[in-house]
Amino acid sequence: MLAYVVRRVLYAIPILIGVNLITFALFFVVNTPDDMARMQLGTKRVTPEAIERWKADHGYDKPMLWNAGKAGIAKFSDTIFFDKSVRLFVFDFGAAEDGRDIANEIRTRAWPSLALAIPVFLVGLAVNITFAMLMAFFRATYLDVWGVVLCVALMSISALFYIIGGQYVASKIWHLVPISGYDRGFEAVKFLVLPVLIGVFAGIGSGGRWYRTLFVEEMSRDYVRTARAKGLSESTVLFRHVLKNAMIPILTGVVVVIPLLFMGSLLSESFFGIPGLGSYTIDAIQAQDFAVVRAMVFIGSVLYIAGLLLTDLSYTLVDPRIRLE
């Protein structure tokens, strides 16, 4: 097991290097340091001296990949690529354009993101699996047919509609919860109720239909027919056999999502005014804060790779036939 984990971690290194190179190319080839300076300073009446001053203040006055004017390792280390990309591997994110430490902002904003994402994830998972099992249990009946129709309808509507509609009805008309904002401690609950409910409801369509497909597929297998031939009830077959054997594809989707919970929800956090990592990323994109965007892209890559590793490890918990060797 340990050898497998070490091998997978080593496999992740070239993947992260590739993601880092692509990110660097997108930021520094499509937008040169001069372009970044003009975006921050404004396109009107920007003097070359102001551009050079901005580049020197933010560390963009060095060569891109190779500094021929230096000696030894400094030829590589005294470059924009090393300062802005290589240091990400030791989680040295530097400072944002407004001077605030990016690592500290990430640590601070991760908690509001988790406070929103974890309830949506857990409640949504329970609701989706329960709804899917009901449709599978009553398959080919009106409940199954109208359940699938409801799932397709919910999938066809943008999550933005649920957010705006929920704010209008629950906050503006009924005055049940605040329309936006956030607070620390237990006071945050009143700000999280609405976005959690909307997040769960918006995911019923895709989640319910996906899990129903898994359960219906499992119910057509030979071991299910054998269990029925032994006289087991339909509920016993569904809960003790079908659900257990459907856990591998369920875990594939669930475990991969767990690390990405730290990244926050871009839409929900922005519309509900929650100071999480999702709104932090949106604000950085709008402000053309390239340092923050690069850091969030790198963290997202690390978390996604960690999710894939956790998925492979979780298979051994539900299927004894799988051995990680």
Protein backbone atom coordinates (compact mmCIF):
# COMPACT_ATOMS: atom_id res chain seq x y z
CA MET A 1 0.00 0.00 0.00
CA LEU A 2 2.75 2.45 0.97
CA ALA A 3 4.69 1.72 -2.22
CA TYR A 4 1.56 2.38 -4.27
CA VAL A 5 0.92 5.71 -2.56
CA VAL A 6 4.55 6.80 -3.05
CA ARG A 7 4.41 5.79 -6.71
CA ARG A 8 1.20 7.73 -7.31
CA VAL A 9 2.63 10.80 -5.58
CA LEU A 10 5.68 10.62 -7.83
CA TYR A 11 3.40 10.32 -10.86
CA ALA A 12 1.68 13.53 -9.75
CA ILE A 13 4.88 15.57 -9.96
CA PRO A 14 5.14 15.66 -13.79
CA ILE A 15 1.41 16.38 -13.98
CA LEU A 16 1.80 19.40 -11.71
CA ILE A 17 4.83 20.53 -13.69
CA GLY A 18 2.79 20.33 -16.89
CA VAL A 19 -0.10 22.27 -15.35
CA ASN A 20 2.37 24.85 -14.08
CA LEU A 21 3.96 25.26 -17.51
CA ILE A 22 0.58 25.64 -19.22
CA THR A 23 -0.52 28.18 -16.60
CA PHE A 24 2.72 30.10 -17.02
CA ALA A 25 2.29 30.16 -20.81
CA LEU A 26 -1.29 31.41 -20.51
CA PHE A 27 -0.35 34.20 -18.13
CA PHE A 28 3.00 35.34 -19.52
CA VAL A 29 2.77 34.59 -23.24
CA VAL A 30 -0.81 35.66 -23.91
CA ASN A 31 -0.39 38.60 -21.50
CA THR A 32 3.16 39.90 -21.27
CA PRO A 33 4.37 41.77 -18.17
CA ASP A 34 3.87 45.02 -20.10
CA ASP A 35 0.25 44.07 -20.75
CA MET A 36 -0.25 43.26 -17.06
CA ALA A 37 1.19 46.64 -16.10
CA ARG A 38 -1.19 48.45 -18.47
CA MET A 39 -4.16 46.50 -17.06
CA GLN A 40 -3.28 47.54 -13.53
CA LEU A 41 -2.29 51.13 -14.30
CA GLY A 42 -4.93 51.84 -16.92
CA THR A 43 -4.53 52.06 -20.66
CA LYS A 44 -4.72 55.86 -20.88
CA ARG A 45 -1.65 58.08 -20.40
CA VAL A 46 0.58 55.29 -19.10
CA THR A 47 4.21 56.24 -19.54
CA PRO A 48 6.97 53.68 -20.22
CA GLU A 49 8.58 54.78 -16.96
CA ALA A 50 5.41 53.90 -15.01
CA ILE A 51 5.28 50.48 -16.68
CA GLU A 52 8.92 49.76 -15.82
CA ARG A 53 8.35 50.93 -12.25
CA TRP A 54 5.32 48.64 -11.86
CA LYS A 55 7.27 45.68 -13.27
CA ALA A 56 10.15 46.31 -10.85
CA ASP A 57 7.80 46.59 -7.87
CA HIS A 58 6.05 43.32 -8.69
CA GLY A 59 9.06 41.28 -9.82
CA TYR A 60 8.28 41.25 -13.53
CA ASP A 61 11.45 43.05 -14.63
CA LYS A 62 13.47 39.81 -14.86
CA PRO A 63 13.92 37.49 -17.88
CA MET A 64 11.18 34.95 -18.46
CA LEU A 65 12.96 31.57 -18.28
CA TRP A 66 16.73 32.10 -18.47
CA ASN A 67 18.84 34.91 -17.06
CA ALA A 68 22.03 34.95 -19.12
CA GLY A 69 23.47 37.80 -17.08
CA LYS A 70 23.75 35.69 -13.93
CA ALA A 71 26.09 32.87 -12.99
CA GLY A 72 25.41 29.31 -11.86
CA ILE A 73 21.99 28.39 -10.56
CA ALA A 74 20.98 32.06 -10.61
CA LYS A 75 20.59 31.76 -14.38
CA PHE A 76 17.43 29.77 -13.64
CA SER A 77 16.41 31.00 -10.19
CA ASP A 78 16.59 34.73 -10.97
CA THR A 79 13.75 34.58 -13.51
CA ILE A 80 10.02 35.27 -13.63
CA PHE A 81 9.28 31.57 -14.06
CA PHE A 82 11.10 30.64 -10.86
CA ASP A 83 9.63 33.47 -8.81
CA LYS A 84 6.05 33.11 -10.00
CA SER A 85 5.72 29.39 -10.80
CA VAL A 86 8.38 27.18 -9.25
CA ARG A 87 7.82 28.60 -5.75
CA LEU A 88 4.24 27.39 -5.92
CA PHE A 89 5.53 23.84 -5.33
CA VAL A 90 6.54 24.84 -1.78
CA PHE A 91 3.24 26.75 -1.42
CA ASP A 92 4.99 30.12 -1.50
CA PHE A 93 2.24 32.14 -3.16
CA GLY A 94 3.67 35.57 -2.49
CA ALA A 95 1.53 38.68 -2.21
CA ALA A 96 -1.53 39.84 -4.12
CA GLU A 97 -1.67 43.10 -6.04
CA ASP A 98 -3.12 44.83 -2.99
CA GLY A 99 -0.16 43.68 -0.88
CA ARG A 100 -1.99 41.08 1.23
CA ASP A 101 -0.40 37.68 1.77
CA ILE A 102 -2.12 35.13 -0.47
CA ALA A 103 -1.43 32.14 1.79
CA ASN A 104 -3.00 33.92 4.76
CA GLU A 105 -6.03 34.89 2.68
CA ILE A 106 -6.47 31.27 1.58
CA ARG A 107 -6.29 30.00 5.17
CA THR A 108 -8.82 32.61 6.30
CA ARG A 109 -11.26 32.13 3.44
CA ALA A 110 -11.15 28.33 3.43
CA TRP A 111 -13.42 28.12 6.49
CA PRO A 112 -16.40 30.03 5.02
CA SER A 113 -16.07 27.92 1.87
CA LEU A 114 -16.12 24.70 3.90
CA ALA A 115 -19.03 25.96 6.00
CA LEU A 116 -21.05 26.22 2.77
CA ALA A 117 -19.64 23.33 0.75
CA ILE A 118 -19.70 20.55 3.37
CA PRO A 119 -23.45 20.82 4.21
CA VAL A 120 -24.32 21.06 0.51
CA PHE A 121 -22.17 18.01 -0.18
CA LEU A 122 -23.43 15.80 2.66
CA VAL A 123 -27.11 16.76 2.51
CA GLY A 124 -27.09 16.65 -1.28
CA LEU A 125 -25.49 13.20 -1.29
CA ALA A 126 -28.10 11.82 1.11
CA VAL A 127 -31.01 13.41 -0.78
CA ASN A 128 -29.79 12.32 -4.21
CA ILE A 129 -29.10 8.71 -3.22
CA THR A 130 -32.43 8.42 -1.38
CA PHE A 131 -34.37 9.88 -4.30
CA ALA A 132 -32.52 7.64 -6.77
CA MET A 133 -33.20 4.53 -4.71
CA LEU A 134 -36.90 5.38 -4.57
CA MET A 135 -37.02 5.70 -8.36
CA ALA A 136 -35.09 2.44 -8.75
CA PHE A 137 -37.31 0.63 -6.23
CA PHE A 138 -40.48 1.79 -8.00
CA ARG A 139 -38.96 1.58 -11.49
CA ALA A 140 -41.33 1.58 -14.47
CA THR A 141 -44.06 3.16 -12.33
CA TYR A 142 -45.44 6.68 -12.33
CA LEU A 143 -43.08 7.62 -9.51
CA ASP A 144 -40.08 6.56 -11.58
CA VAL A 145 -41.30 8.22 -14.78
CA TRP A 146 -42.17 11.54 -13.18
CA GLY A 147 -39.02 11.39 -11.08
CA VAL A 148 -36.91 11.17 -14.23
CA VAL A 149 -38.92 13.99 -15.81
CA LEU A 150 -38.29 16.11 -12.71
CA CYS A 151 -34.57 15.36 -12.85
CA VAL A 152 -34.35 16.36 -16.51
CA ALA A 153 -36.28 19.55 -15.81
CA LEU A 154 -34.04 20.47 -12.88
CA MET A 155 -30.93 19.74 -14.96
CA SER A 156 -32.18 22.04 -17.71
CA ILE A 157 -32.40 25.08 -15.46
CA SER A 158 -29.29 27.08 -14.63
CA ALA A 159 -28.16 27.23 -11.01
CA LEU A 160 -28.17 31.00 -11.37
CA PHE A 161 -31.97 30.89 -11.68
CA TYR A 162 -32.28 29.03 -8.37
CA ILE A 163 -29.98 31.53 -6.66
CA ILE A 164 -31.79 34.64 -7.88
CA GLY A 165 -35.22 33.07 -7.43
CA GLY A 166 -34.39 31.86 -3.92
CA GLN A 167 -33.10 35.27 -2.89
CA TYR A 168 -36.18 36.99 -4.28
CA VAL A 169 -38.72 34.65 -2.67
CA ALA A 170 -37.09 33.71 0.64
CA SER A 171 -35.38 37.02 1.38
CA LYS A 172 -37.19 39.81 -0.40
CA ILE A 173 -40.79 38.58 -0.24
CA TRP A 174 -40.93 36.31 2.82
CA HIS A 175 -38.04 37.92 4.77
CA LEU A 176 -37.01 34.55 6.21
CA VAL A 177 -33.23 34.89 5.89
CA PRO A 178 -30.76 37.64 4.91
CA ILE A 179 -30.34 38.07 1.19
CA SER A 180 -26.54 38.04 1.46
CA GLY A 181 -23.69 38.45 3.92
CA TYR A 182 -21.72 36.37 6.37
CA ASP A 183 -20.82 36.31 10.04
CA ARG A 184 -18.50 34.33 12.27
CA GLY A 185 -19.48 31.57 14.66
CA PHE A 186 -23.05 30.38 15.12
CA GLU A 187 -24.40 33.62 13.65
CA ALA A 188 -23.27 32.39 10.23
CA VAL A 189 -26.06 29.80 10.17
CA LYS A 190 -28.74 32.30 9.17
CA PHE A 191 -26.60 33.35 6.20
CA LEU A 192 -25.86 29.76 5.13
CA VAL A 193 -29.37 28.25 5.26
CA LEU A 194 -30.53 29.63 1.93
CA PRO A 195 -27.37 28.93 -0.12
CA VAL A 196 -27.21 25.39 1.30
CA LEU A 197 -30.84 24.68 0.40
CA ILE A 198 -30.36 26.13 -3.08
CA GLY A 199 -27.15 24.16 -3.58
CA VAL A 200 -28.85 20.91 -2.61
CA PHE A 201 -31.94 21.57 -4.74
CA ALA A 202 -29.88 22.57 -7.78
CA GLY A 203 -27.98 19.27 -7.64
CA ILE A 204 -30.98 16.94 -7.36
CA GLY A 205 -31.49 16.73 -11.12
CA SER A 206 -28.03 15.55 -12.16
CA GLY A 207 -27.31 13.63 -8.94
CA GLY A 208 -30.64 11.79 -8.79
CA ARG A 209 -30.52 10.74 -12.43
CA TRP A 210 -26.90 9.60 -12.17
CA TYR A 211 -27.45 7.45 -9.08
CA ARG A 212 -30.69 6.04 -10.50
CA THR A 213 -28.75 4.87 -13.57
CA LEU A 214 -26.24 3.12 -11.32
CA PHE A 215 -28.90 1.37 -9.26
CA VAL A 216 -30.98 0.27 -12.26
CA GLU A 217 -27.87 -1.11 -13.95
CA GLU A 218 -26.93 -3.08 -10.84
CA MET A 219 -30.47 -4.42 -10.48
CA SER A 220 -30.20 -6.12 -13.88
CA ARG A 221 -27.12 -8.17 -12.98
CA ASP A 222 -27.02 -11.92 -12.33
CA TYR A 223 -26.39 -11.72 -8.58
CA VAL A 224 -29.60 -9.71 -8.15
CA ARG A 225 -31.63 -12.32 -10.03
CA THR A 226 -30.05 -15.00 -7.85
CA ALA A 227 -30.96 -13.09 -4.69
CA ARG A 228 -34.55 -12.75 -5.88
CA ALA A 229 -34.66 -16.45 -6.74
CA LYS A 230 -33.69 -17.22 -3.14
CA GLY A 231 -36.82 -15.42 -1.99
CA LEU A 232 -35.28 -12.20 -0.70
CA SER A 233 -37.59 -9.20 -0.67
CA GLU A 234 -37.07 -6.33 -3.10
CA SER A 235 -36.09 -3.94 -0.33
CA THR A 236 -33.47 -6.39 0.99
CA VAL A 237 -32.03 -6.82 -2.49
CA LEU A 238 -31.89 -3.07 -3.00
CA PHE A 239 -30.35 -2.07 0.33
CA ARG A 240 -28.10 -5.05 1.08
CA HIS A 241 -26.89 -5.96 -2.40
CA VAL A 242 -27.50 -3.26 -5.00
CA LEU A 243 -26.44 -0.32 -2.83
CA LYS A 244 -23.28 -2.10 -1.66
CA ASN A 245 -22.16 -3.04 -5.15
CA ALA A 246 -22.93 0.42 -6.51
CA MET A 247 -20.53 2.01 -4.01
CA ILE A 248 -17.50 1.87 -6.34
CA PRO A 249 -18.88 4.27 -8.98
CA ILE A 250 -20.45 6.35 -6.20
CA LEU A 251 -17.09 6.63 -4.46
CA THR A 252 -15.47 7.61 -7.74
CA GLY A 253 -17.59 10.74 -7.90
CA VAL A 254 -17.73 11.42 -4.18
CA VAL A 255 -14.07 11.12 -3.20
CA VAL A 256 -12.85 13.21 -6.13
CA VAL A 257 -15.16 16.02 -5.06
CA ILE A 258 -14.05 16.04 -1.40
CA PRO A 259 -10.69 17.87 -1.90
CA LEU A 260 -12.34 20.35 -4.26
CA LEU A 261 -14.72 21.43 -1.49
CA PHE A 262 -11.91 23.70 -0.31
CA MET A 263 -12.10 25.68 -3.56
CA GLY A 264 -15.54 27.02 -2.78
CA SER A 265 -18.50 27.76 -5.00
CA LEU A 266 -17.94 30.58 -7.46
CA LEU A 267 -21.60 31.45 -8.03
CA SER A 268 -23.02 30.93 -4.55
CA GLU A 269 -20.26 32.77 -2.72
CA SER A 270 -20.37 35.69 -5.14
CA PHE A 271 -24.16 36.14 -5.07
CA PHE A 272 -24.56 35.52 -1.33
CA GLY A 273 -21.58 37.63 -0.28
CA ILE A 274 -19.74 34.77 1.45
CA PRO A 275 -16.02 35.59 1.83
CA GLY A 276 -14.76 32.19 0.69
CA LEU A 277 -12.24 31.00 -1.87
CA GLY A 278 -14.79 31.03 -4.67
CA SER A 279 -15.55 34.72 -4.30
CA TYR A 280 -11.82 35.33 -3.75
CA THR A 281 -11.11 33.81 -7.18
CA ILE A 282 -13.88 35.78 -8.87
CA ASP A 283 -12.67 39.04 -7.31
CA ALA A 284 -9.11 38.28 -8.42
CA ILE A 285 -10.23 37.66 -12.01
CA GLN A 286 -12.21 40.88 -12.08
CA ALA A 287 -9.28 42.83 -10.60
CA GLN A 288 -6.80 41.17 -12.98
CA ASP A 289 -4.86 39.92 -9.95
CA PHE A 290 -2.73 37.33 -11.72
CA ALA A 291 -0.86 36.18 -8.60
CA VAL A 292 -4.09 35.09 -6.87
CA VAL A 293 -5.44 33.34 -9.97
CA ARG A 294 -2.19 31.43 -10.46
CA ALA A 295 -2.24 30.32 -6.83
CA MET A 296 -5.85 29.13 -7.01
CA VAL A 297 -5.22 27.21 -10.25
CA PHE A 298 -2.25 25.46 -8.65
CA ILE A 299 -4.17 24.58 -5.47
CA GLY A 300 -7.05 23.25 -7.56
CA SER A 301 -4.63 20.98 -9.45
CA VAL A 302 -3.08 19.65 -6.23
CA LEU A 303 -6.48 18.97 -4.68
CA TYR A 304 -7.79 17.22 -7.79
CA ILE A 305 -4.77 14.90 -7.92
CA ALA A 306 -5.22 14.20 -4.20
CA GLY A 307 -8.85 13.33 -4.91
CA LEU A 308 -7.86 10.80 -7.58
CA LEU A 309 -5.43 9.16 -5.14
CA LEU A 310 -8.11 8.99 -2.44
CA THR A 311 -10.48 7.43 -4.96
CA ASP A 312 -8.08 4.61 -5.75
CA LEU A 313 -7.45 3.99 -2.06
CA SER A 314 -11.16 3.98 -1.23
CA TYR A 315 -11.80 1.16 -3.72
CA THR A 316 -10.07 -1.26 -1.37
CA LEU A 317 -12.60 -0.45 1.33
CA VAL A 318 -15.62 -1.53 -0.70
CA ASP A 319 -14.21 -4.24 -2.97
CA PRO A 320 -11.92 -6.85 -1.36
CA ARG A 321 -10.94 -8.14 -4.81
CA ILE A 322 -8.92 -4.98 -5.45
CA ARG A 323 -5.36 -4.93 -4.17
CA LEU A 324 -3.08 -1.94 -4.63
CA GLU A 325 0.19 -3.59 -5.57
